[in-house]
Structures are given as C-alpha cells and as structure tokens.
Amino acid sequence: MNEQIKHYEDKLKYEMDSWDLSVALKNNENVIVIDARASNAYEYERVPNAINIPHKTMNIDTTKDLDKDAVYISYCDGIGCNASTKGALNMAKLGFQVKELMGGLDWWIRDGHETHGENARKSSGVSCAC
C-alpha cells in the first residue's frame, strides 16, 4: 500500500471532526466524549454530554466503569492544547478505542454546535457539512 494512502487512512482511524461527532451523537452511535481538560475548564464550557476525566488522572481506577466497546472521543481547548492527545494516548494504553477531536472545543464552537456549562451556547444552526 502506498505510504500516503496509509497516512490518510490512519488519520481517519484516529481523528474525528466536529461534524462527524455531531452526526455520531445524533445517531446514538456508541461514542463517549471525554473532556481531557481540568475540571474548572470542563465546568466553564464543554461539548454536551461529555464526561470529564482530566488526562493527568486517567488510570485503571478512574476508567474502570467505562464501556470497553464504546469509541471514546478525546478533546481539549483546541490546536494550542495537547490534553486531548495525552488523553487519547492514555485511553489507548488502557485498552480503549479512542479518537481525537480535531480542533477540540474551539472548532466545535466554530462549527456552530451547542455547548453546556457556565458559558453554555446555543447552536448557531450553521455547521460545516464536511
């Protein structure tokens, strides 16, 4: 197989954009969104129905009750933050299927999706159908 094709296939296996996540959530696919940031950031604003497991606290004990059959989507603030990458790596090491949300919360908001938390926003109704 061509190296370039493998590269792009791997990206799609391990990354998800906000449009695909919103579709997966609306279709009740077995995905669970993990906010890998600190709890104060999670409380301020988050993807709806996300659970908060800061990447620094991910271990066997903090994940023992999670569904091993689900696909976990790890996110943080955005491209200037690597908590989602650290979270995805930790979850993968713990044996979970995981993808990283491209652009994190920043791109989720940019694409017009609703958020929850102290700074909750309603959907703008405008979204990229990528």
Protein backbone atom coordinates (compact mmCIF):
# COMPACT_ATOMS: atom_id res chain seq x y z
CA MET A 1 0.00 0.00 0.00
CA ASN A 2 1.14 3.48 -0.82
CA GLU A 3 2.54 5.32 2.26
CA GLN A 4 0.43 8.37 1.58
CA ILE A 5 -2.80 6.36 1.44
CA LYS A 6 -1.89 4.62 4.71
CA HIS A 7 -1.20 8.01 6.32
CA TYR A 8 -4.67 9.34 5.44
CA GLU A 9 -6.40 6.12 6.40
CA ASP A 10 -4.66 6.25 9.78
CA LYS A 11 -5.73 9.88 10.28
CA LEU A 12 -9.36 8.89 9.73
CA LYS A 13 -9.00 5.94 12.12
CA TYR A 14 -7.67 8.11 14.93
CA GLU A 15 -9.22 11.56 14.40
CA MET A 16 -12.76 12.88 14.10
CA ASP A 17 -14.05 16.33 13.19
CA SER A 18 -16.92 18.11 14.91
CA TRP A 19 -19.39 17.42 12.09
CA ASP A 20 -18.77 13.65 12.23
CA LEU A 21 -19.01 13.71 16.04
CA SER A 22 -22.32 15.59 15.95
CA VAL A 23 -23.70 13.06 13.45
CA ALA A 24 -22.48 10.13 15.58
CA LEU A 25 -24.13 11.62 18.68
CA LYS A 26 -27.40 12.33 16.87
CA ASN A 27 -27.43 8.76 15.52
CA ASN A 28 -26.86 7.37 19.03
CA GLU A 29 -23.67 5.62 17.95
CA ASN A 30 -21.67 4.05 20.76
CA VAL A 31 -19.35 7.04 21.23
CA ILE A 32 -18.49 8.70 24.51
CA VAL A 33 -16.95 12.15 24.53
CA ILE A 34 -14.18 12.76 27.07
CA ASP A 35 -13.10 16.24 28.05
CA ALA A 36 -9.45 15.69 28.97
CA ARG A 37 -9.00 19.17 30.46
CA ALA A 38 -9.01 20.21 34.10
CA SER A 39 -12.40 20.19 35.83
CA ASN A 40 -12.66 24.00 36.00
CA ALA A 41 -12.39 24.25 32.20
CA TYR A 42 -14.98 21.47 31.84
CA GLU A 43 -17.40 23.25 34.19
CA TYR A 44 -16.99 26.51 32.25
CA GLU A 45 -17.83 25.10 28.80
CA ARG A 46 -17.94 21.68 27.21
CA VAL A 47 -19.34 19.51 24.46
CA PRO A 48 -22.85 18.40 25.54
CA ASN A 49 -22.93 15.13 27.48
CA ALA A 50 -19.13 14.92 27.62
CA ILE A 51 -17.65 13.30 30.69
CA ASN A 52 -14.65 14.86 32.38
CA ILE A 53 -11.59 12.76 33.01
CA PRO A 54 -8.55 15.05 33.06
CA HIS A 55 -5.69 13.34 31.20
CA LYS A 56 -3.50 13.54 34.30
CA THR A 57 -5.99 11.39 36.23
CA MET A 58 -6.67 8.70 33.62
CA ASN A 59 -5.79 5.32 35.06
CA ILE A 60 -7.29 1.91 35.70
CA ASP A 61 -9.28 3.19 38.70
CA THR A 62 -10.76 6.29 37.05
CA THR A 63 -11.79 4.35 33.93
CA LYS A 64 -12.83 1.01 35.47
CA ASP A 65 -16.56 1.60 34.94
CA LEU A 66 -16.29 2.73 31.32
CA ASP A 67 -17.67 0.67 28.42
CA LYS A 68 -14.78 -1.05 26.60
CA ASP A 69 -16.99 -1.45 23.50
CA ALA A 70 -17.52 2.30 23.02
CA VAL A 71 -15.34 4.60 20.96
CA TYR A 72 -14.02 7.45 23.11
CA ILE A 73 -13.56 10.88 21.57
CA SER A 74 -10.95 12.86 23.49
CA TYR A 75 -10.89 16.66 23.27
CA CYS A 76 -9.43 19.77 24.89
CA ASP A 77 -9.49 23.50 24.04
CA GLY A 78 -8.10 23.25 20.53
CA ILE A 79 -4.96 23.10 18.48
CA GLY A 80 -2.97 25.07 21.06
CA CYS A 81 -3.63 22.43 23.72
CA ASN A 82 -2.38 18.85 23.79
CA ALA A 83 -4.59 17.49 26.60
CA SER A 84 -6.71 15.67 24.00
CA THR A 85 -3.62 13.95 22.60
CA LYS A 86 -2.43 13.00 26.08
CA GLY A 87 -5.92 11.79 26.93
CA ALA A 88 -6.20 9.75 23.72
CA LEU A 89 -2.80 8.18 24.38
CA ASN A 90 -3.70 7.34 27.99
CA MET A 91 -7.04 5.82 26.98
CA ALA A 92 -5.39 3.75 24.22
CA LYS A 93 -2.80 2.49 26.71
CA LEU A 94 -5.69 1.46 28.98
CA GLY A 95 -7.17 -0.63 26.17
CA PHE A 96 -9.93 1.69 24.93
CA GLN A 97 -10.81 2.51 21.33
CA VAL A 98 -10.15 6.23 21.03
CA LYS A 99 -10.13 9.08 18.54
CA GLU A 100 -9.07 12.68 18.99
CA LEU A 101 -11.49 15.52 18.17
CA MET A 102 -9.79 17.72 15.62
CA GLY A 103 -9.68 21.36 16.74
CA GLY A 104 -11.22 20.50 20.10
CA LEU A 105 -13.80 22.73 21.71
CA ASP A 106 -12.64 25.71 19.61
CA TRP A 107 -13.64 24.04 16.34
CA TRP A 108 -16.78 22.53 17.91
CA ILE A 109 -17.91 26.10 18.69
CA ARG A 110 -16.65 27.48 15.35
CA ASP A 111 -18.77 24.90 13.56
CA GLY A 112 -21.86 26.20 15.36
CA HIS A 113 -22.54 23.37 17.81
CA GLU A 114 -24.23 23.81 21.18
CA THR A 115 -22.15 23.75 24.36
CA HIS A 116 -23.02 23.13 28.02
CA GLY A 117 -21.56 24.62 31.19
CA GLU A 118 -21.35 28.05 32.80
CA ASN A 119 -20.67 29.63 29.39
CA ALA A 120 -23.18 27.45 27.51
CA ARG A 121 -24.01 28.45 23.95
CA LYS A 122 -26.92 27.51 21.77
CA SER A 123 -26.32 26.02 18.36
CA SER A 124 -25.91 28.68 15.71
CA GLY A 125 -27.68 26.47 13.21
CA VAL A 126 -24.73 26.94 10.86
CA SER A 127 -22.49 23.96 10.55
CA CYS A 128 -19.88 22.62 8.17
CA ALA A 129 -21.12 19.53 6.39
CA CYS A 130 -17.58 18.39 5.65
